[in-house]
């Protein structure tokens, strides 16, 4: 699911900003299921300058739930999940 965030951010940047969007600084919750795969994916993309630019990857980090934007993302994910379940 986290890879979809990266895909949709790329699509948004291409569609709405016509390539003028600077690289994204990604922040994910530390210790969640799959964070190792996300880190591996981002390392692979970042290692090659062409893919780094294509996917607009400026950097990434994994932080705890005390970071407010991550709390907001959790609420949004929860609400979206409830909506899809109905």
PDB file of N, CA and C in Angstrom:
ATOM      1  N   UNK A   1       0.820  -1.194   0.000  1.00  0.00           N
ATOM      2  CA  UNK A   1       0.000   0.000   0.000  1.00  0.00           C
ATOM      3  C   UNK A   1       0.868   1.263   0.000  1.00  0.00           C
ATOM      4  N   UNK A   2       1.983   1.243   0.724  1.00  0.00           N
ATOM      5  CA  UNK A   2       2.816   2.444   0.793  1.00  0.00           C
ATOM      6  C   UNK A   2       3.406   2.808  -0.560  1.00  0.00           C
ATOM      7  N   UNK A   3       3.674   1.800  -1.394  1.00  0.00           N
ATOM      8  CA  UNK A   3       4.218   2.112  -2.710  1.00  0.00           C
ATOM      9  C   UNK A   3       3.206   2.879  -3.552  1.00  0.00           C
ATOM     10  N   UNK A   4       1.921   2.675  -3.280  1.00  0.00           N
ATOM     11  CA  UNK A   4       0.891   3.413  -4.012  1.00  0.00           C
ATOM     12  C   UNK A   4       0.967   4.908  -3.720  1.00  0.00           C
ATOM     13  N   UNK A   5       1.381   5.278  -2.531  1.00  0.00           N
ATOM     14  CA  UNK A   5       1.560   6.699  -2.203  1.00  0.00           C
ATOM     15  C   UNK A   5       2.591   7.322  -3.135  1.00  0.00           C
ATOM     16  N   UNK A   6       3.663   6.616  -3.364  1.00  0.00           N
ATOM     17  CA  UNK A   6       4.734   7.120  -4.215  1.00  0.00           C
ATOM     18  C   UNK A   6       4.258   7.224  -5.658  1.00  0.00           C
ATOM     19  N   UNK A   7       3.532   6.210  -6.108  1.00  0.00           N
ATOM     20  CA  UNK A   7       3.000   6.220  -7.481  1.00  0.00           C
ATOM     21  C   UNK A   7       2.039   7.389  -7.665  1.00  0.00           C
ATOM     22  N   UNK A   8       1.113   7.555  -6.735  1.00  0.00           N
ATOM     23  CA  UNK A   8       0.127   8.632  -6.862  1.00  0.00           C
ATOM     24  C   UNK A   8       0.757  10.016  -6.728  1.00  0.00           C
ATOM     25  N   UNK A   9       1.776  10.141  -5.903  1.00  0.00           N
ATOM     26  CA  UNK A   9       2.473  11.433  -5.793  1.00  0.00           C
ATOM     27  C   UNK A   9       3.159  11.774  -7.117  1.00  0.00           C
ATOM     28  N   UNK A  10       3.741  10.784  -7.747  1.00  0.00           N
ATOM     29  CA  UNK A  10       4.386  10.994  -9.050  1.00  0.00           C
ATOM     30  C   UNK A  10       3.352  11.419 -10.087  1.00  0.00           C
ATOM     31  N   UNK A  11       2.232  10.729 -10.136  1.00  0.00           N
ATOM     32  CA  UNK A  11       1.164  11.070 -11.084  1.00  0.00           C
ATOM     33  C   UNK A  11       0.670  12.487 -10.835  1.00  0.00           C
ATOM     34  N   UNK A  12       0.443  12.833  -9.563  1.00  0.00           N
ATOM     35  CA  UNK A  12      -0.006  14.186  -9.230  1.00  0.00           C
ATOM     36  C   UNK A  12       0.996  15.227  -9.700  1.00  0.00           C
ATOM     37  N   UNK A  13       2.267  14.986  -9.416  1.00  0.00           N
ATOM     38  CA  UNK A  13       3.302  15.955  -9.780  1.00  0.00           C
ATOM     39  C   UNK A  13       3.355  16.149 -11.296  1.00  0.00           C
ATOM     40  N   UNK A  14       3.232  15.073 -12.030  1.00  0.00           N
ATOM     41  CA  UNK A  14       3.273  15.163 -13.491  1.00  0.00           C
ATOM     42  C   UNK A  14       2.034  15.851 -14.052  1.00  0.00           C
ATOM     43  N   UNK A  15       0.902  15.539 -13.475  1.00  0.00           N
ATOM     44  CA  UNK A  15      -0.373  16.057 -13.998  1.00  0.00           C
ATOM     45  C   UNK A  15      -0.604  17.519 -13.606  1.00  0.00           C
ATOM     46  N   UNK A  16      -0.407  17.831 -12.356  1.00  0.00           N
ATOM     47  CA  UNK A  16      -0.761  19.157 -11.847  1.00  0.00           C
ATOM     48  C   UNK A  16       0.364  20.178 -11.932  1.00  0.00           C
ATOM     49  N   UNK A  17       1.571  19.754 -11.831  1.00  0.00           N
ATOM     50  CA  UNK A  17       2.673  20.694 -11.740  1.00  0.00           C
ATOM     51  C   UNK A  17       3.595  20.684 -12.947  1.00  0.00           C
ATOM     52  N   UNK A  18       3.318  19.843 -13.897  1.00  0.00           N
ATOM     53  CA  UNK A  18       4.091  19.772 -15.143  1.00  0.00           C
ATOM     54  C   UNK A  18       5.597  19.663 -14.910  1.00  0.00           C
ATOM     55  N   UNK A  19       5.988  18.832 -13.960  1.00  0.00           N
ATOM     56  CA  UNK A  19       7.402  18.558 -13.738  1.00  0.00           C
ATOM     57  C   UNK A  19       8.156  19.559 -12.887  1.00  0.00           C
ATOM     58  N   UNK A  20       7.501  20.605 -12.406  1.00  0.00           N
ATOM     59  CA  UNK A  20       8.215  21.624 -11.640  1.00  0.00           C
ATOM     60  C   UNK A  20       8.249  21.339 -10.134  1.00  0.00           C
ATOM     61  N   UNK A  21       7.774  20.191  -9.734  1.00  0.00           N
ATOM     62  CA  UNK A  21       7.740  19.838  -8.316  1.00  0.00           C
ATOM     63  C   UNK A  21       9.123  19.338  -7.888  1.00  0.00           C
ATOM     64  N   UNK A  22       9.662  19.870  -6.800  1.00  0.00           N
ATOM     65  CA  UNK A  22      10.964  19.376  -6.324  1.00  0.00           C
ATOM     66  C   UNK A  22      10.824  17.961  -5.770  1.00  0.00           C
ATOM     67  N   UNK A  23      11.933  17.279  -5.550  1.00  0.00           N
ATOM     68  CA  UNK A  23      11.866  15.929  -4.990  1.00  0.00           C
ATOM     69  C   UNK A  23      11.144  15.921  -3.639  1.00  0.00           C
ATOM     70  N   UNK A  24      10.448  14.843  -3.385  1.00  0.00           N
ATOM     71  CA  UNK A  24       9.692  14.677  -2.144  1.00  0.00           C
ATOM     72  C   UNK A  24      10.592  14.138  -1.036  1.00  0.00           C
ATOM     73  N   UNK A  25      10.332  14.592   0.181  1.00  0.00           N
ATOM     74  CA  UNK A  25      10.946  14.038   1.377  1.00  0.00           C
ATOM     75  C   UNK A  25       9.881  13.165   2.036  1.00  0.00           C
ATOM     76  N   UNK A  26      10.044  11.869   1.973  1.00  0.00           N
ATOM     77  CA  UNK A  26       9.044  10.931   2.467  1.00  0.00           C
ATOM     78  C   UNK A  26       9.263  10.626   3.936  1.00  0.00           C
ATOM     79  N   UNK A  27       8.167  10.474   4.668  1.00  0.00           N
ATOM     80  CA  UNK A  27       8.241  10.104   6.079  1.00  0.00           C
ATOM     81  C   UNK A  27       7.212   9.009   6.338  1.00  0.00           C
ATOM     82  N   UNK A  28       7.666   7.903   6.886  1.00  0.00           N
ATOM     83  CA  UNK A  28       6.803   6.769   7.188  1.00  0.00           C
ATOM     84  C   UNK A  28       6.911   6.443   8.667  1.00  0.00           C
ATOM     85  N   UNK A  29       5.918   5.732   9.171  1.00  0.00           N
ATOM     86  CA  UNK A  29       5.945   5.340  10.572  1.00  0.00           C
ATOM     87  C   UNK A  29       6.955   4.213  10.779  1.00  0.00           C
ATOM     88  N   UNK A  30       7.803   4.377  11.758  1.00  0.00           N
ATOM     89  CA  UNK A  30       8.826   3.371  12.063  1.00  0.00           C
ATOM     90  C   UNK A  30       8.196   2.141  12.698  1.00  0.00           C
ATOM     91  N   UNK A  31       8.733   0.999  12.337  1.00  0.00           N
ATOM     92  CA  UNK A  31       8.327  -0.244  12.985  1.00  0.00           C
ATOM     93  C   UNK A  31       7.057  -0.874  12.476  1.00  0.00           C
ATOM     94  N   UNK A  32       6.406  -0.302  11.489  1.00  0.00           N
ATOM     95  CA  UNK A  32       5.179  -0.905  10.977  1.00  0.00           C
ATOM     96  C   UNK A  32       5.509  -2.092  10.076  1.00  0.00           C
ATOM     97  N   UNK A  33       4.528  -2.929   9.865  1.00  0.00           N
ATOM     98  CA  UNK A  33       4.703  -4.076   8.985  1.00  0.00           C
ATOM     99  C   UNK A  33       5.046  -3.573   7.585  1.00  0.00           C
ATOM    100  N   UNK A  34       6.090  -4.107   7.013  1.00  0.00           N
ATOM    101  CA  UNK A  34       6.477  -3.748   5.659  1.00  0.00           C
ATOM    102  C   UNK A  34       7.444  -2.590   5.540  1.00  0.00           C
ATOM    103  N   UNK A  35       7.833  -1.992   6.659  1.00  0.00           N
ATOM    104  CA  UNK A  35       8.723  -0.831   6.533  1.00  0.00           C
ATOM    105  C   UNK A  35      10.079  -1.221   5.951  1.00  0.00           C
ATOM    106  N   UNK A  36      10.509  -2.433   6.166  1.00  0.00           N
ATOM    107  CA  UNK A  36      11.765  -2.898   5.597  1.00  0.00           C
ATOM    108  C   UNK A  36      11.711  -2.964   4.082  1.00  0.00           C
ATOM    109  N   UNK A  37      10.566  -3.409   3.551  1.00  0.00           N
ATOM    110  CA  UNK A  37      10.398  -3.468   2.105  1.00  0.00           C
ATOM    111  C   UNK A  37      10.340  -2.076   1.503  1.00  0.00           C
ATOM    112  N   UNK A  38       9.693  -1.152   2.199  1.00  0.00           N
ATOM    113  CA  UNK A  38       9.621   0.230   1.719  1.00  0.00           C
ATOM    114  C   UNK A  38      11.021   0.831   1.685  1.00  0.00           C
ATOM    115  N   UNK A  39      11.785   0.614   2.730  1.00  0.00           N
ATOM    116  CA  UNK A  39      13.149   1.126   2.777  1.00  0.00           C
ATOM    117  C   UNK A  39      13.987   0.532   1.646  1.00  0.00           C
ATOM    118  N   UNK A  40      13.856  -0.754   1.421  1.00  0.00           N
ATOM    119  CA  UNK A  40      14.604  -1.415   0.340  1.00  0.00           C
ATOM    120  C   UNK A  40      14.205  -0.855  -1.028  1.00  0.00           C
ATOM    121  N   UNK A  41      12.911  -0.659  -1.238  1.00  0.00           N
ATOM    122  CA  UNK A  41      12.428  -0.103  -2.504  1.00  0.00           C
ATOM    123  C   UNK A  41      12.998   1.296  -2.731  1.00  0.00           C
ATOM    124  N   UNK A  42      12.922   2.147  -1.720  1.00  0.00           N
ATOM    125  CA  UNK A  42      13.417   3.510  -1.858  1.00  0.00           C
ATOM    126  C   UNK A  42      14.932   3.539  -2.062  1.00  0.00           C
ATOM    127  N   UNK A  43      15.647   2.669  -1.397  1.00  0.00           N
ATOM    128  CA  UNK A  43      17.101   2.591  -1.604  1.00  0.00           C
ATOM    129  C   UNK A  43      17.421   2.221  -3.048  1.00  0.00           C
ATOM    130  N   UNK A  44      16.678   1.268  -3.578  1.00  0.00           N
ATOM    131  CA  UNK A  44      16.900   0.840  -4.967  1.00  0.00           C
ATOM    132  C   UNK A  44      16.611   1.966  -5.941  1.00  0.00           C
ATOM    133  N   UNK A  45      15.497   2.668  -5.737  1.00  0.00           N
ATOM    134  CA  UNK A  45      15.143   3.770  -6.627  1.00  0.00           C
ATOM    135  C   UNK A  45      16.131   4.926  -6.501  1.00  0.00           C
ATOM    136  N   UNK A  46      16.556   5.203  -5.289  1.00  0.00           N
ATOM    137  CA  UNK A  46      17.460   6.327  -5.035  1.00  0.00           C
ATOM    138  C   UNK A  46      18.863   6.070  -5.576  1.00  0.00           C
ATOM    139  N   UNK A  47      19.255   4.806  -5.637  1.00  0.00           N
ATOM    140  CA  UNK A  47      20.614   4.461  -6.055  1.00  0.00           C
ATOM    141  C   UNK A  47      20.901   4.844  -7.507  1.00  0.00           C
ATOM    142  N   UNK A  48      19.871   4.937  -8.324  1.00  0.00           N
ATOM    143  CA  UNK A  48      20.059   5.264  -9.740  1.00  0.00           C
ATOM    144  C   UNK A  48      19.548   6.676 -10.000  1.00  0.00           C
ATOM    145  N   UNK A  49      20.407   7.592 -10.400  1.00  0.00           N
ATOM    146  CA  UNK A  49      19.999   8.991 -10.582  1.00  0.00           C
ATOM    147  C   UNK A  49      18.766   9.181 -11.472  1.00  0.00           C
ATOM    148  N   UNK A  50      18.641   8.386 -12.528  1.00  0.00           N
ATOM    149  CA  UNK A  50      17.481   8.542 -13.419  1.00  0.00           C
ATOM    150  C   UNK A  50      16.181   8.168 -12.716  1.00  0.00           C
ATOM    151  N   UNK A  51      16.188   7.059 -11.988  1.00  0.00           N
ATOM    152  CA  UNK A  51      14.958   6.666 -11.291  1.00  0.00           C
ATOM    153  C   UNK A  51      14.687   7.594 -10.109  1.00  0.00           C
ATOM    154  N   UNK A  52      15.749   8.054  -9.467  1.00  0.00           N
ATOM    155  CA  UNK A  52      15.582   9.012  -8.362  1.00  0.00           C
ATOM    156  C   UNK A  52      14.851  10.263  -8.862  1.00  0.00           C
ATOM    157  N   UNK A  53      15.263  10.777 -10.008  1.00  0.00           N
ATOM    158  CA  UNK A  53      14.625  11.963 -10.583  1.00  0.00           C
ATOM    159  C   UNK A  53      13.219  11.652 -11.073  1.00  0.00           C
ATOM    160  N   UNK A  54      13.049  10.518 -11.733  1.00  0.00           N
ATOM    161  CA  UNK A  54      11.744  10.134 -12.271  1.00  0.00           C
ATOM    162  C   UNK A  54      10.694  10.036 -11.168  1.00  0.00           C
ATOM    163  N   UNK A  55      11.058   9.433 -10.047  1.00  0.00           N
ATOM    164  CA  UNK A  55      10.127   9.240  -8.931  1.00  0.00           C
ATOM    165  C   UNK A  55      10.194  10.359  -7.904  1.00  0.00           C
ATOM    166  N   UNK A  56      11.018  11.369  -8.173  1.00  0.00           N
ATOM    167  CA  UNK A  56      11.139  12.558  -7.314  1.00  0.00           C
ATOM    168  C   UNK A  56      11.425  12.193  -5.856  1.00  0.00           C
ATOM    169  N   UNK A  57      12.417  11.360  -5.662  1.00  0.00           N
ATOM    170  CA  UNK A  57      12.770  10.921  -4.314  1.00  0.00           C
ATOM    171  C   UNK A  57      13.931  11.769  -3.816  1.00  0.00           C
ATOM    172  N   UNK A  58      13.639  12.618  -2.848  1.00  0.00           N
ATOM    173  CA  UNK A  58      14.671  13.457  -2.263  1.00  0.00           C
ATOM    174  C   UNK A  58      15.299  12.811  -1.046  1.00  0.00           C
ATOM    175  N   UNK A  59      14.504  12.071  -0.316  1.00  0.00           N
ATOM    176  CA  UNK A  59      14.968  11.393   0.883  1.00  0.00           C
ATOM    177  C   UNK A  59      13.788  10.755   1.593  1.00  0.00           C
ATOM    178  N   UNK A  60      14.070  10.015   2.643  1.00  0.00           N
ATOM    179  CA  UNK A  60      13.013   9.356   3.389  1.00  0.00           C
ATOM    180  C   UNK A  60      13.497   9.075   4.802  1.00  0.00           C
ATOM    181  N   UNK A  61      12.520   8.916   5.668  1.00  0.00           N
ATOM    182  CA  UNK A  61      12.829   8.598   7.057  1.00  0.00           C
ATOM    183  C   UNK A  61      11.691   7.785   7.644  1.00  0.00           C
ATOM    184  N   UNK A  62      11.986   7.144   8.740  1.00  0.00           N
ATOM    185  CA  UNK A  62      10.982   6.393   9.489  1.00  0.00           C
ATOM    186  C   UNK A  62      10.958   6.984  10.890  1.00  0.00           C
ATOM    187  N   UNK A  63       9.783   7.437  11.313  1.00  0.00           N
ATOM    188  CA  UNK A  63       9.673   8.130  12.596  1.00  0.00           C
ATOM    189  C   UNK A  63       8.539   7.546  13.418  1.00  0.00           C
ATOM    190  N   UNK A  64       8.515   7.911  14.691  1.00  0.00           N
ATOM    191  CA  UNK A  64       7.507   7.405  15.606  1.00  0.00           C
ATOM    192  C   UNK A  64       6.169   8.115  15.472  1.00  0.00           C
ATOM    193  N   UNK A  65       5.166   7.549  16.126  1.00  0.00           N
ATOM    194  CA  UNK A  65       3.806   8.091  16.060  1.00  0.00           C
ATOM    195  C   UNK A  65       3.667   9.469  16.689  1.00  0.00           C
ATOM    196  N   UNK A  66       4.671   9.916  17.419  1.00  0.00           N
ATOM    197  CA  UNK A  66       4.565  11.241  18.032  1.00  0.00           C
ATOM    198  C   UNK A  66       4.651  12.355  16.984  1.00  0.00           C
ATOM    199  N   UNK A  67       5.023  12.025  15.762  1.00  0.00           N
ATOM    200  CA  UNK A  67       5.083  13.006  14.671  1.00  0.00           C
ATOM    201  C   UNK A  67       3.657  13.249  14.171  1.00  0.00           C
ATOM    202  N   UNK A  68       3.179  14.484  14.303  1.00  0.00           N
ATOM    203  CA  UNK A  68       1.781  14.794  14.005  1.00  0.00           C
ATOM    204  C   UNK A  68       1.330  14.428  12.593  1.00  0.00           C
ATOM    205  N   UNK A  69       2.101  14.685  11.548  1.00  0.00           N
ATOM    206  CA  UNK A  69       1.628  14.278  10.217  1.00  0.00           C
ATOM    207  C   UNK A  69       1.397  12.775  10.098  1.00  0.00           C
ATOM    208  N   UNK A  70       2.158  11.973  10.839  1.00  0.00           N
ATOM    209  CA  UNK A  70       1.934  10.533  10.800  1.00  0.00           C
ATOM    210  C   UNK A  70       0.637  10.168  11.515  1.00  0.00           C
ATOM    211  N   UNK A  71       0.292  10.902  12.560  1.00  0.00           N
ATOM    212  CA  UNK A  71      -0.979  10.678  13.233  1.00  0.00           C
ATOM    213  C   UNK A  71      -2.127  11.006  12.290  1.00  0.00           C
ATOM    214  N   UNK A  72      -1.996  12.087  11.550  1.00  0.00           N
ATOM    215  CA  UNK A  72      -3.033  12.468  10.587  1.00  0.00           C
ATOM    216  C   UNK A  72      -3.161  11.413   9.495  1.00  0.00           C
ATOM    217  N   UNK A  73      -2.043  10.886   9.039  1.00  0.00           N
ATOM    218  CA  UNK A  73      -2.078   9.845   8.007  1.00  0.00           C
ATOM    219  C   UNK A  73      -2.769   8.589   8.535  1.00  0.00           C
ATOM    220  N   UNK A  74      -2.534   8.247   9.794  1.00  0.00           N
ATOM    221  CA  UNK A  74      -3.214   7.097  10.393  1.00  0.00           C
ATOM    222  C   UNK A  74      -4.721   7.297  10.420  1.00  0.00           C
ATOM    223  N   UNK A  75      -5.162   8.486  10.787  1.00  0.00           N
ATOM    224  CA  UNK A  75      -6.597   8.779  10.832  1.00  0.00           C
ATOM    225  C   UNK A  75      -7.195   8.662   9.431  1.00  0.00           C
ATOM    226  N   UNK A  76      -6.509   9.221   8.436  1.00  0.00           N
ATOM    227  CA  UNK A  76      -7.010   9.153   7.062  1.00  0.00           C
ATOM    228  C   UNK A  76      -7.082   7.700   6.578  1.00  0.00           C
ATOM    229  N   UNK A  77      -6.056   6.919   6.870  1.00  0.00           N
ATOM    230  CA  UNK A  77      -6.051   5.517   6.457  1.00  0.00           C
ATOM    231  C   UNK A  77      -7.187   4.751   7.130  1.00  0.00           C
ATOM    232  N   UNK A  78      -7.405   5.009   8.401  1.00  0.00           N
ATOM    233  CA  UNK A  78      -8.480   4.347   9.141  1.00  0.00           C
ATOM    234  C   UNK A  78      -9.847   4.701   8.559  1.00  0.00           C
ATOM    235  N   UNK A  79     -10.058   5.983   8.299  1.00  0.00           N
ATOM    236  CA  UNK A  79     -11.344   6.419   7.743  1.00  0.00           C
ATOM    237  C   UNK A  79     -11.556   5.860   6.336  1.00  0.00           C
ATOM    238  N   UNK A  80     -10.506   5.819   5.542  1.00  0.00           N
ATOM    239  CA  UNK A  80     -10.621   5.251   4.197  1.00  0.00           C
ATOM    240  C   UNK A  80     -10.944   3.761   4.272  1.00  0.00           C
ATOM    241  N   UNK A  81     -10.316   3.059   5.207  1.00  0.00           N
ATOM    242  CA  UNK A  81     -10.582   1.645   5.381  1.00  0.00           C
ATOM    243  C   UNK A  81     -12.047   1.395   5.756  1.00  0.00           C
ATOM    244  N   UNK A  82     -12.564   2.191   6.685  1.00  0.00           N
ATOM    245  CA  UNK A  82     -13.977   2.059   7.077  1.00  0.00           C
ATOM    246  C   UNK A  82     -14.891   2.298   5.880  1.00  0.00           C
ATOM    247  N   UNK A  83     -14.577   3.298   5.076  1.00  0.00           N
ATOM    248  CA  UNK A  83     -15.393   3.625   3.904  1.00  0.00           C
ATOM    249  C   UNK A  83     -15.397   2.475   2.894  1.00  0.00           C
ATOM    250  N   UNK A  84     -14.222   1.898   2.643  1.00  0.00           N
ATOM    251  CA  UNK A  84     -14.114   0.802   1.677  1.00  0.00           C
ATOM    252  C   UNK A  84     -14.840  -0.428   2.188  1.00  0.00           C
ATOM    253  N   UNK A  85     -14.767  -0.695   3.474  1.00  0.00           N
ATOM    254  CA  UNK A  85     -15.443  -1.841   4.045  1.00  0.00           C
ATOM    255  C   UNK A  85     -16.960  -1.769   3.905  1.00  0.00           C
ATOM    256  N   UNK A  86     -17.504  -0.552   3.906  1.00  0.00           N
ATOM    257  CA  UNK A  86     -18.963  -0.397   3.779  1.00  0.00           C
ATOM    258  C   UNK A  86     -19.337  -0.574   2.339  1.00  0.00           C
TER     259      UNK A  86
END
